[in-house]
């Protein structure tokens, strides 16, 4: 296996957004790159629309768990869920966040307002290394592939530990949908 500096990734969103798929793609890309990889338990799968969070560690001595303040990357597929994972970030972290807002029951029922996303993004920009906020690219991308756009933006960041070519191979090998559309996102 290839020895790299340890890198930790948190993926978060809600059930049905493809967190398990992204985790599988990252794991396969790491294996193709010959990088040690481990994942933590993925929570929230039992209920579509419920919170889902996965941790991935890469490099020597990986163990899957990402501790508080330990994430190098946060891939947020939904705004509120990204906010819920802010405790995993540190000053060197990079966050890639989709503009998707999926209202929980309490917001839909009118019990509480949806949190202020502009305030959250402002907080991140002041407290972490880099924020890639995706707010316009999805007009031409099918909603089911939004997760791949977030991953593609993360992979294009200079600090991301796995090269794009390994993701192209992993997607081509694992995708059940239209592989050409999926691969186009990574071009």
N, C-alpha and C. Protein backbone atom coordinates (compact mmCIF):
# COMPACT_ATOMS: atom_id res chain seq x y z
N UNK A 1 0.83 -1.19 0.00
CA UNK A 1 0.00 0.00 0.00
C UNK A 1 0.87 1.25 0.00
N UNK A 2 0.33 2.31 -0.54
CA UNK A 2 1.02 3.59 -0.62
C UNK A 2 0.91 4.31 0.72
N UNK A 3 2.00 4.85 1.21
CA UNK A 3 1.98 5.56 2.49
C UNK A 3 1.73 7.05 2.20
N UNK A 4 0.65 7.54 2.75
CA UNK A 4 0.32 8.96 2.65
C UNK A 4 0.07 9.49 4.05
N UNK A 5 0.16 10.81 4.18
CA UNK A 5 -0.21 11.45 5.44
C UNK A 5 -1.67 11.08 5.72
N UNK A 6 -1.98 10.79 6.95
CA UNK A 6 -3.35 10.41 7.29
C UNK A 6 -4.31 11.53 6.91
N UNK A 7 -5.42 11.16 6.31
CA UNK A 7 -6.44 12.11 5.91
C UNK A 7 -7.80 11.56 6.33
N UNK A 8 -8.67 12.45 6.81
CA UNK A 8 -9.98 12.03 7.32
C UNK A 8 -11.10 12.79 6.63
N UNK A 9 -12.14 12.06 6.27
CA UNK A 9 -13.27 12.63 5.52
C UNK A 9 -14.57 12.29 6.24
N UNK A 10 -15.44 13.29 6.36
CA UNK A 10 -16.80 13.09 6.85
C UNK A 10 -17.74 13.36 5.68
N UNK A 11 -18.67 12.45 5.45
CA UNK A 11 -19.72 12.65 4.45
C UNK A 11 -21.03 12.70 5.22
N UNK A 12 -21.84 13.71 4.96
CA UNK A 12 -23.10 13.82 5.68
C UNK A 12 -24.22 14.28 4.76
N UNK A 13 -25.41 13.87 5.10
CA UNK A 13 -26.61 14.23 4.35
C UNK A 13 -27.79 13.53 4.98
N UNK A 14 -28.80 13.26 4.17
CA UNK A 14 -29.97 12.54 4.66
C UNK A 14 -30.14 11.27 3.84
N UNK A 15 -30.88 10.32 4.42
CA UNK A 15 -31.12 9.05 3.75
C UNK A 15 -31.70 9.27 2.36
N UNK A 16 -31.13 8.59 1.38
CA UNK A 16 -31.60 8.70 0.01
C UNK A 16 -30.72 9.58 -0.86
N UNK A 17 -29.72 10.25 -0.27
CA UNK A 17 -28.85 11.14 -1.04
C UNK A 17 -27.61 10.44 -1.59
N UNK A 18 -27.37 9.21 -1.23
CA UNK A 18 -26.25 8.48 -1.80
C UNK A 18 -24.97 8.53 -0.99
N UNK A 19 -25.06 8.63 0.32
CA UNK A 19 -23.87 8.65 1.15
C UNK A 19 -23.15 7.30 1.09
N UNK A 20 -23.90 6.21 1.10
CA UNK A 20 -23.30 4.88 1.01
C UNK A 20 -22.57 4.74 -0.33
N UNK A 21 -23.18 5.19 -1.40
CA UNK A 21 -22.56 5.13 -2.73
C UNK A 21 -21.25 5.92 -2.75
N UNK A 22 -21.27 7.14 -2.22
CA UNK A 22 -20.04 7.95 -2.19
C UNK A 22 -18.95 7.27 -1.36
N UNK A 23 -19.33 6.68 -0.25
CA UNK A 23 -18.38 5.98 0.59
C UNK A 23 -17.74 4.83 -0.19
N UNK A 24 -18.56 4.06 -0.89
CA UNK A 24 -18.04 2.94 -1.69
C UNK A 24 -17.09 3.44 -2.77
N UNK A 25 -17.43 4.54 -3.42
CA UNK A 25 -16.58 5.09 -4.49
C UNK A 25 -15.24 5.56 -3.93
N UNK A 26 -15.27 6.25 -2.79
CA UNK A 26 -14.02 6.73 -2.18
C UNK A 26 -13.15 5.55 -1.75
N UNK A 27 -13.77 4.54 -1.15
CA UNK A 27 -13.02 3.35 -0.73
C UNK A 27 -12.37 2.67 -1.93
N UNK A 28 -13.14 2.47 -2.99
CA UNK A 28 -12.56 1.82 -4.17
C UNK A 28 -11.46 2.67 -4.80
N UNK A 29 -11.67 3.98 -4.89
CA UNK A 29 -10.64 4.86 -5.45
C UNK A 29 -9.35 4.76 -4.62
N UNK A 30 -9.49 4.75 -3.30
CA UNK A 30 -8.31 4.62 -2.43
C UNK A 30 -7.61 3.29 -2.65
N UNK A 31 -8.39 2.23 -2.76
CA UNK A 31 -7.79 0.91 -2.99
C UNK A 31 -7.08 0.87 -4.34
N UNK A 32 -7.67 1.48 -5.36
CA UNK A 32 -7.03 1.53 -6.68
C UNK A 32 -5.73 2.35 -6.63
N UNK A 33 -5.71 3.35 -5.76
CA UNK A 33 -4.51 4.18 -5.58
C UNK A 33 -3.51 3.52 -4.62
N UNK A 34 -3.89 2.36 -4.09
CA UNK A 34 -3.06 1.61 -3.16
C UNK A 34 -2.81 2.40 -1.86
N UNK A 35 -3.88 3.05 -1.38
CA UNK A 35 -3.85 3.81 -0.14
C UNK A 35 -4.68 3.06 0.89
N UNK A 36 -4.13 2.87 2.08
CA UNK A 36 -4.90 2.23 3.16
C UNK A 36 -6.16 3.04 3.41
N UNK A 37 -7.28 2.36 3.65
CA UNK A 37 -8.55 3.04 3.86
C UNK A 37 -9.40 2.25 4.85
N UNK A 38 -10.16 2.96 5.66
CA UNK A 38 -11.11 2.35 6.60
C UNK A 38 -12.30 3.28 6.73
N UNK A 39 -13.46 2.71 7.00
CA UNK A 39 -14.67 3.51 7.19
C UNK A 39 -15.28 3.21 8.55
N UNK A 40 -16.00 4.20 9.04
CA UNK A 40 -16.73 3.99 10.29
C UNK A 40 -18.14 3.55 9.95
N UNK A 41 -18.87 3.20 10.98
CA UNK A 41 -20.25 2.82 10.81
C UNK A 41 -21.02 3.99 10.22
N UNK A 42 -21.92 3.68 9.33
CA UNK A 42 -22.74 4.70 8.71
C UNK A 42 -24.08 4.72 9.45
N UNK A 43 -24.43 5.87 9.97
CA UNK A 43 -25.63 5.98 10.81
C UNK A 43 -26.80 6.56 10.03
N UNK A 44 -28.02 6.12 10.35
CA UNK A 44 -29.22 6.75 9.84
C UNK A 44 -29.82 6.10 8.61
N UNK A 45 -29.33 4.95 8.21
CA UNK A 45 -29.81 4.36 6.97
C UNK A 45 -31.22 3.79 7.07
N UNK A 46 -31.69 3.52 8.25
CA UNK A 46 -32.96 2.84 8.39
C UNK A 46 -34.16 3.68 7.97
N UNK A 47 -33.97 4.98 7.89
CA UNK A 47 -35.10 5.84 7.57
C UNK A 47 -34.74 6.82 6.47
N UNK A 48 -35.43 6.71 5.34
CA UNK A 48 -35.20 7.66 4.25
C UNK A 48 -35.53 9.05 4.77
N UNK A 49 -34.61 9.97 4.55
CA UNK A 49 -34.79 11.32 5.04
C UNK A 49 -34.16 11.56 6.40
N UNK A 50 -33.68 10.50 7.05
CA UNK A 50 -33.01 10.65 8.34
C UNK A 50 -31.54 11.00 8.16
N UNK A 51 -30.94 11.46 9.22
CA UNK A 51 -29.52 11.84 9.20
C UNK A 51 -28.63 10.65 8.86
N UNK A 52 -27.68 10.87 7.95
CA UNK A 52 -26.70 9.85 7.59
C UNK A 52 -25.31 10.50 7.62
N UNK A 53 -24.39 9.87 8.34
CA UNK A 53 -23.02 10.37 8.43
C UNK A 53 -22.07 9.19 8.31
N UNK A 54 -21.02 9.36 7.50
CA UNK A 54 -20.00 8.33 7.34
C UNK A 54 -18.63 8.96 7.55
N UNK A 55 -17.74 8.21 8.15
CA UNK A 55 -16.37 8.65 8.33
C UNK A 55 -15.43 7.75 7.55
N UNK A 56 -14.43 8.36 6.92
CA UNK A 56 -13.44 7.61 6.15
C UNK A 56 -12.06 8.12 6.56
N UNK A 57 -11.15 7.19 6.85
CA UNK A 57 -9.77 7.59 7.10
C UNK A 57 -8.88 6.92 6.06
N UNK A 58 -7.89 7.68 5.63
CA UNK A 58 -6.95 7.22 4.60
C UNK A 58 -5.54 7.35 5.13
N UNK A 59 -4.67 6.43 4.73
CA UNK A 59 -3.27 6.53 5.10
C UNK A 59 -2.85 5.49 6.12
N UNK A 60 -1.65 5.64 6.60
CA UNK A 60 -1.07 4.69 7.54
C UNK A 60 -1.86 4.65 8.85
N UNK A 61 -2.12 3.46 9.36
CA UNK A 61 -2.79 3.30 10.64
C UNK A 61 -4.25 3.77 10.64
N UNK A 62 -4.95 3.56 9.55
CA UNK A 62 -6.35 4.01 9.49
C UNK A 62 -7.23 3.14 10.38
N UNK A 63 -8.30 3.75 10.87
CA UNK A 63 -9.22 3.03 11.74
C UNK A 63 -10.67 3.43 11.51
N UNK A 64 -10.96 4.31 10.58
CA UNK A 64 -12.33 4.62 10.21
C UNK A 64 -13.00 5.73 10.99
N UNK A 65 -12.72 5.84 12.26
CA UNK A 65 -13.40 6.86 13.06
C UNK A 65 -12.76 8.23 12.85
N UNK A 66 -13.61 9.24 12.76
CA UNK A 66 -13.14 10.62 12.68
C UNK A 66 -13.56 11.30 13.98
N UNK A 67 -12.57 11.75 14.73
CA UNK A 67 -12.85 12.36 16.02
C UNK A 67 -13.22 13.84 15.86
N UNK A 68 -13.77 14.41 16.91
CA UNK A 68 -14.11 15.83 16.92
C UNK A 68 -12.87 16.65 16.56
N UNK A 69 -13.02 17.57 15.63
CA UNK A 69 -11.91 18.41 15.20
C UNK A 69 -10.91 17.70 14.31
N UNK A 70 -11.23 16.47 13.86
CA UNK A 70 -10.27 15.67 13.12
C UNK A 70 -10.45 15.58 11.62
N UNK A 71 -11.51 16.15 11.08
CA UNK A 71 -11.78 15.99 9.64
C UNK A 71 -10.94 16.93 8.80
N UNK A 72 -10.36 16.38 7.75
CA UNK A 72 -9.66 17.20 6.76
C UNK A 72 -10.66 17.70 5.72
N UNK A 73 -11.67 16.88 5.43
CA UNK A 73 -12.71 17.24 4.47
C UNK A 73 -14.08 16.91 5.03
N UNK A 74 -15.02 17.81 4.79
CA UNK A 74 -16.44 17.58 5.06
C UNK A 74 -17.16 17.67 3.73
N UNK A 75 -17.84 16.60 3.35
CA UNK A 75 -18.68 16.61 2.16
C UNK A 75 -20.12 16.67 2.64
N UNK A 76 -20.72 17.84 2.52
CA UNK A 76 -22.08 18.06 3.00
C UNK A 76 -23.07 18.05 1.85
N UNK A 77 -23.91 17.02 1.82
CA UNK A 77 -24.91 16.90 0.75
C UNK A 77 -26.19 17.65 1.08
N UNK A 78 -26.31 18.12 2.30
CA UNK A 78 -27.50 18.88 2.74
C UNK A 78 -27.03 19.89 3.78
N UNK A 79 -27.54 21.10 3.70
CA UNK A 79 -27.05 22.21 4.53
C UNK A 79 -27.16 21.97 6.04
N UNK A 80 -28.31 21.56 6.52
CA UNK A 80 -28.50 21.35 7.95
C UNK A 80 -27.59 20.24 8.46
N UNK A 81 -27.48 19.17 7.70
CA UNK A 81 -26.62 18.06 8.12
C UNK A 81 -25.16 18.49 8.14
N UNK A 82 -24.75 19.34 7.21
CA UNK A 82 -23.39 19.88 7.24
C UNK A 82 -23.18 20.69 8.52
N UNK A 83 -24.18 21.49 8.90
CA UNK A 83 -24.08 22.28 10.13
C UNK A 83 -23.96 21.38 11.35
N UNK A 84 -24.66 20.27 11.33
CA UNK A 84 -24.61 19.34 12.47
C UNK A 84 -23.24 18.70 12.63
N UNK A 85 -22.42 18.72 11.58
CA UNK A 85 -21.09 18.10 11.63
C UNK A 85 -19.96 19.11 11.81
N UNK A 86 -20.29 20.35 12.13
CA UNK A 86 -19.26 21.38 12.27
C UNK A 86 -18.23 21.03 13.35
N UNK A 87 -18.62 20.25 14.34
CA UNK A 87 -17.70 19.88 15.42
C UNK A 87 -16.56 18.98 14.94
N UNK A 88 -16.66 18.41 13.74
CA UNK A 88 -15.59 17.59 13.18
C UNK A 88 -14.50 18.43 12.51
N UNK A 89 -14.78 19.71 12.29
CA UNK A 89 -13.87 20.57 11.54
C UNK A 89 -12.83 21.24 12.42
N UNK A 90 -11.73 21.66 11.77
CA UNK A 90 -10.67 22.42 12.44
C UNK A 90 -10.19 23.51 11.48
N UNK A 91 -9.25 24.29 11.89
CA UNK A 91 -8.79 25.43 11.07
C UNK A 91 -8.22 25.01 9.72
N UNK A 92 -7.74 23.79 9.59
CA UNK A 92 -7.16 23.31 8.34
C UNK A 92 -8.17 22.57 7.46
N UNK A 93 -9.39 22.39 7.93
CA UNK A 93 -10.40 21.62 7.20
C UNK A 93 -10.87 22.33 5.94
N UNK A 94 -11.36 21.51 5.02
CA UNK A 94 -12.00 21.99 3.79
C UNK A 94 -13.43 21.44 3.79
N UNK A 95 -14.40 22.31 3.53
CA UNK A 95 -15.80 21.88 3.45
C UNK A 95 -16.31 22.07 2.03
N UNK A 96 -16.93 21.04 1.49
CA UNK A 96 -17.58 21.11 0.19
C UNK A 96 -19.05 20.86 0.47
N UNK A 97 -19.88 21.88 0.24
CA UNK A 97 -21.27 21.82 0.69
C UNK A 97 -22.22 22.15 -0.45
N UNK A 98 -23.20 21.29 -0.62
CA UNK A 98 -24.26 21.47 -1.60
C UNK A 98 -25.31 22.42 -1.01
N UNK A 99 -25.98 23.16 -1.86
CA UNK A 99 -27.00 24.10 -1.39
C UNK A 99 -28.34 23.44 -1.08
N UNK A 100 -28.45 22.14 -1.20
CA UNK A 100 -29.70 21.44 -0.94
C UNK A 100 -30.16 21.64 0.50
N UNK A 101 -31.44 21.97 0.65
CA UNK A 101 -32.06 22.08 1.98
C UNK A 101 -33.26 21.14 2.00
N UNK A 102 -33.21 20.13 2.81
CA UNK A 102 -34.32 19.18 2.98
C UNK A 102 -34.88 19.43 4.37
N UNK A 103 -36.08 19.97 4.42
CA UNK A 103 -36.65 20.37 5.70
C UNK A 103 -37.05 19.16 6.54
N UNK A 104 -36.58 19.10 7.79
CA UNK A 104 -37.03 18.05 8.70
C UNK A 104 -38.48 18.30 9.11
N UNK A 105 -39.06 17.30 9.72
CA UNK A 105 -40.47 17.38 10.12
C UNK A 105 -40.75 18.63 10.95
N UNK A 106 -39.89 18.95 11.91
CA UNK A 106 -40.13 20.09 12.80
C UNK A 106 -40.22 21.42 12.03
N UNK A 107 -39.45 21.55 10.95
CA UNK A 107 -39.52 22.76 10.12
C UNK A 107 -40.80 22.74 9.29
N UNK A 108 -41.11 21.60 8.68
CA UNK A 108 -42.33 21.48 7.89
C UNK A 108 -43.59 21.71 8.73
N UNK A 109 -43.54 21.31 9.99
CA UNK A 109 -44.68 21.49 10.89
C UNK A 109 -44.78 22.91 11.42
N UNK A 110 -43.77 23.73 11.15
CA UNK A 110 -43.79 25.11 11.62
C UNK A 110 -43.33 25.28 13.05
N UNK A 111 -42.80 24.22 13.67
CA UNK A 111 -42.34 24.30 15.06
C UNK A 111 -41.07 25.12 15.22
N UNK A 112 -40.17 25.00 14.25
CA UNK A 112 -38.90 25.72 14.28
C UNK A 112 -38.54 26.18 12.87
N UNK A 113 -37.75 27.24 12.77
CA UNK A 113 -37.31 27.68 11.43
C UNK A 113 -36.11 26.85 10.97
N UNK A 114 -35.91 26.81 9.68
CA UNK A 114 -34.70 26.19 9.15
C UNK A 114 -33.53 27.11 9.50
N UNK A 115 -32.41 26.57 9.94
CA UNK A 115 -31.28 27.42 10.35
C UNK A 115 -30.80 28.34 9.21
N UNK A 116 -30.23 29.46 9.58
CA UNK A 116 -29.73 30.46 8.64
C UNK A 116 -28.48 29.92 7.95
N UNK A 117 -28.60 29.55 6.68
CA UNK A 117 -27.47 28.96 5.96
C UNK A 117 -26.39 29.99 5.64
N UNK A 118 -26.77 31.24 5.41
CA UNK A 118 -25.76 32.27 5.12
C UNK A 118 -24.88 32.51 6.34
N UNK A 119 -25.48 32.49 7.50
CA UNK A 119 -24.71 32.66 8.74
C UNK A 119 -23.74 31.50 8.92
N UNK A 120 -24.20 30.30 8.63
CA UNK A 120 -23.35 29.11 8.73
C UNK A 120 -22.16 29.20 7.78
N UNK A 121 -22.41 29.56 6.53
CA UNK A 121 -21.32 29.67 5.55
C UNK A 121 -20.33 30.76 5.95
N UNK A 122 -20.83 31.86 6.47
CA UNK A 122 -19.97 32.93 6.94
C UNK A 122 -19.07 32.45 8.08
N UNK A 123 -19.66 31.70 9.00
CA UNK A 123 -18.90 31.12 10.11
C UNK A 123 -17.77 30.23 9.58
N UNK A 124 -18.11 29.36 8.63
CA UNK A 124 -17.10 28.45 8.08
C UNK A 124 -15.97 29.21 7.41
N UNK A 125 -16.30 30.21 6.62
CA UNK A 125 -15.28 30.96 5.89
C UNK A 125 -14.29 31.64 6.84
N UNK A 126 -14.73 31.97 8.03
CA UNK A 126 -13.86 32.61 9.02
C UNK A 126 -13.06 31.60 9.84
N UNK A 127 -13.52 30.34 9.89
CA UNK A 127 -12.95 29.40 10.85
C UNK A 127 -12.27 28.16 10.28
N UNK A 128 -12.36 27.94 8.96
CA UNK A 128 -11.68 26.79 8.38
C UNK A 128 -10.88 27.24 7.16
N UNK A 129 -10.08 26.34 6.63
CA UNK A 129 -9.17 26.66 5.54
C UNK A 129 -9.88 27.06 4.24
N UNK A 130 -10.91 26.31 3.85
CA UNK A 130 -11.55 26.57 2.56
C UNK A 130 -12.99 26.05 2.57
N UNK A 131 -13.87 26.79 1.90
CA UNK A 131 -15.26 26.40 1.76
C UNK A 131 -15.60 26.45 0.27
N UNK A 132 -16.04 25.32 -0.25
CA UNK A 132 -16.53 25.25 -1.62
C UNK A 132 -18.04 25.06 -1.54
N UNK A 133 -18.78 26.11 -1.80
CA UNK A 133 -20.24 26.06 -1.72
C UNK A 133 -20.80 25.92 -3.13
N UNK A 134 -21.59 24.90 -3.33
CA UNK A 134 -22.13 24.61 -4.66
C UNK A 134 -23.57 25.09 -4.70
N UNK A 135 -23.79 26.17 -5.45
CA UNK A 135 -25.15 26.73 -5.48
C UNK A 135 -25.71 26.93 -6.88
N UNK A 136 -24.95 26.63 -7.92
CA UNK A 136 -25.49 26.91 -9.25
C UNK A 136 -25.32 25.79 -10.26
N UNK A 137 -24.51 24.83 -9.99
CA UNK A 137 -24.16 23.81 -10.98
C UNK A 137 -25.29 22.82 -11.25
N UNK A 138 -26.27 22.73 -10.40
CA UNK A 138 -27.24 21.66 -10.51
C UNK A 138 -28.36 21.90 -11.50
N UNK A 139 -28.38 23.06 -12.12
CA UNK A 139 -29.43 23.30 -13.10
C UNK A 139 -29.34 22.30 -14.24
N UNK A 140 -28.13 21.87 -14.59
CA UNK A 140 -27.98 20.93 -15.69
C UNK A 140 -27.68 19.51 -15.24
N UNK A 141 -27.61 19.26 -13.95
CA UNK A 141 -27.30 17.94 -13.42
C UNK A 141 -28.54 17.32 -12.80
N UNK A 142 -28.76 16.04 -13.10
CA UNK A 142 -29.89 15.33 -12.52
C UNK A 142 -29.75 15.28 -11.00
N UNK A 143 -30.84 15.48 -10.27
CA UNK A 143 -30.77 15.50 -8.80
C UNK A 143 -30.12 14.25 -8.20
N UNK A 144 -30.31 13.10 -8.82
CA UNK A 144 -29.74 11.86 -8.28
C UNK A 144 -28.21 11.86 -8.35
N UNK A 145 -27.63 12.76 -9.12
CA UNK A 145 -26.18 12.80 -9.26
C UNK A 145 -25.53 13.97 -8.51
N UNK A 146 -26.30 14.65 -7.70
CA UNK A 146 -25.77 15.79 -6.94
C UNK A 146 -24.61 15.36 -6.05
N UNK A 147 -24.71 14.17 -5.48
CA UNK A 147 -23.64 13.69 -4.60
C UNK A 147 -22.31 13.58 -5.35
N UNK A 148 -22.36 13.19 -6.63
CA UNK A 148 -21.13 13.08 -7.41
C UNK A 148 -20.53 14.45 -7.72
N UNK A 149 -21.37 15.46 -7.86
CA UNK A 149 -20.86 16.82 -8.08
C UNK A 149 -20.09 17.28 -6.84
N UNK A 150 -20.63 17.01 -5.67
CA UNK A 150 -19.94 17.37 -4.42
C UNK A 150 -18.61 16.64 -4.34
N UNK A 151 -18.62 15.34 -4.64
CA UNK A 151 -17.38 14.57 -4.61
C UNK A 151 -16.37 15.10 -5.63
N UNK A 152 -16.84 15.42 -6.82
CA UNK A 152 -15.96 15.94 -7.88
C UNK A 152 -15.29 17.24 -7.45
N UNK A 153 -16.06 18.12 -6.80
CA UNK A 153 -15.48 19.39 -6.31
C UNK A 153 -14.42 19.11 -5.24
N UNK A 154 -14.69 18.15 -4.36
CA UNK A 154 -13.71 17.81 -3.33
C UNK A 154 -12.44 17.25 -3.96
N UNK A 155 -12.60 16.34 -4.90
CA UNK A 155 -11.46 15.69 -5.55
C UNK A 155 -10.61 16.71 -6.31
N UNK A 156 -11.23 17.76 -6.82
CA UNK A 156 -10.47 18.77 -7.57
C UNK A 156 -9.68 19.71 -6.66
N UNK A 157 -9.93 19.66 -5.35
CA UNK A 157 -9.19 20.50 -4.40
C UNK A 157 -7.76 19.99 -4.26
N UNK A 158 -6.81 20.88 -4.21
CA UNK A 158 -5.39 20.50 -4.15
C UNK A 158 -5.03 19.66 -2.92
N UNK A 159 -5.79 19.76 -1.84
CA UNK A 159 -5.48 19.00 -0.63
C UNK A 159 -6.08 17.59 -0.63
N UNK A 160 -6.95 17.28 -1.61
CA UNK A 160 -7.60 15.97 -1.58
C UNK A 160 -6.57 14.88 -1.83
N UNK A 161 -6.56 13.81 -1.03
CA UNK A 161 -5.47 12.83 -1.06
C UNK A 161 -5.52 11.78 -2.17
N UNK A 162 -6.58 11.72 -2.95
CA UNK A 162 -6.69 10.70 -4.01
C UNK A 162 -6.89 11.42 -5.34
N UNK A 163 -6.16 11.01 -6.35
CA UNK A 163 -6.24 11.64 -7.66
C UNK A 163 -7.53 11.29 -8.39
N UNK A 164 -7.97 12.21 -9.23
CA UNK A 164 -9.21 12.09 -9.98
C UNK A 164 -9.27 10.80 -10.81
N UNK A 165 -8.18 10.39 -11.41
CA UNK A 165 -8.18 9.22 -12.29
C UNK A 165 -8.67 7.97 -11.57
N UNK A 166 -8.37 7.85 -10.29
CA UNK A 166 -8.81 6.68 -9.54
C UNK A 166 -10.33 6.71 -9.30
N UNK A 167 -10.91 7.90 -9.22
CA UNK A 167 -12.36 8.01 -9.07
C UNK A 167 -13.07 7.66 -10.37
N UNK A 168 -12.47 8.03 -11.47
CA UNK A 168 -13.06 7.69 -12.77
C UNK A 168 -13.12 6.16 -12.91
N UNK A 169 -12.06 5.48 -12.53
CA UNK A 169 -12.04 4.01 -12.57
C UNK A 169 -13.07 3.42 -11.61
N UNK A 170 -13.15 3.97 -10.41
CA UNK A 170 -14.09 3.45 -9.40
C UNK A 170 -15.53 3.64 -9.83
N UNK A 171 -15.85 4.78 -10.41
CA UNK A 171 -17.21 5.03 -10.87
C UNK A 171 -17.55 4.10 -12.03
N UNK A 172 -16.63 3.96 -12.97
CA UNK A 172 -16.86 3.07 -14.11
C UNK A 172 -17.10 1.64 -13.65
N UNK A 173 -16.44 1.23 -12.57
CA UNK A 173 -16.55 -0.14 -12.08
C UNK A 173 -17.79 -0.37 -11.21
N UNK A 174 -18.26 0.64 -10.49
CA UNK A 174 -19.31 0.44 -9.48
C UNK A 174 -20.68 1.00 -9.81
N UNK A 175 -20.80 1.82 -10.81
CA UNK A 175 -22.07 2.51 -11.05
C UNK A 175 -23.09 1.62 -11.72
N UNK A 176 -24.31 1.72 -11.22
CA UNK A 176 -25.42 0.97 -11.79
C UNK A 176 -26.21 1.83 -12.78
N UNK A 177 -26.07 3.14 -12.68
CA UNK A 177 -26.81 4.06 -13.54
C UNK A 177 -26.06 4.35 -14.83
N UNK A 178 -26.36 5.49 -15.41
CA UNK A 178 -25.74 5.93 -16.66
C UNK A 178 -24.30 6.35 -16.38
N UNK A 179 -23.37 5.45 -16.64
CA UNK A 179 -21.95 5.71 -16.33
C UNK A 179 -21.41 6.90 -17.10
N UNK A 180 -21.86 7.09 -18.33
CA UNK A 180 -21.36 8.22 -19.12
C UNK A 180 -21.72 9.55 -18.47
N UNK A 181 -22.96 9.67 -17.97
CA UNK A 181 -23.37 10.91 -17.29
C UNK A 181 -22.58 11.10 -16.01
N UNK A 182 -22.38 10.01 -15.28
CA UNK A 182 -21.63 10.10 -14.01
C UNK A 182 -20.19 10.50 -14.27
N UNK A 183 -19.57 9.89 -15.27
CA UNK A 183 -18.18 10.19 -15.57
C UNK A 183 -18.01 11.60 -16.11
N UNK A 184 -19.02 12.12 -16.80
CA UNK A 184 -18.96 13.48 -17.34
C UNK A 184 -18.78 14.50 -16.21
N UNK A 185 -19.36 14.23 -15.05
CA UNK A 185 -19.24 15.12 -13.89
C UNK A 185 -17.77 15.27 -13.49
N UNK A 186 -16.96 14.22 -13.68
CA UNK A 186 -15.55 14.24 -13.29
C UNK A 186 -14.62 14.74 -14.39
N UNK A 187 -15.15 15.09 -15.54
CA UNK A 187 -14.29 15.57 -16.66
C UNK A 187 -13.87 17.00 -16.45
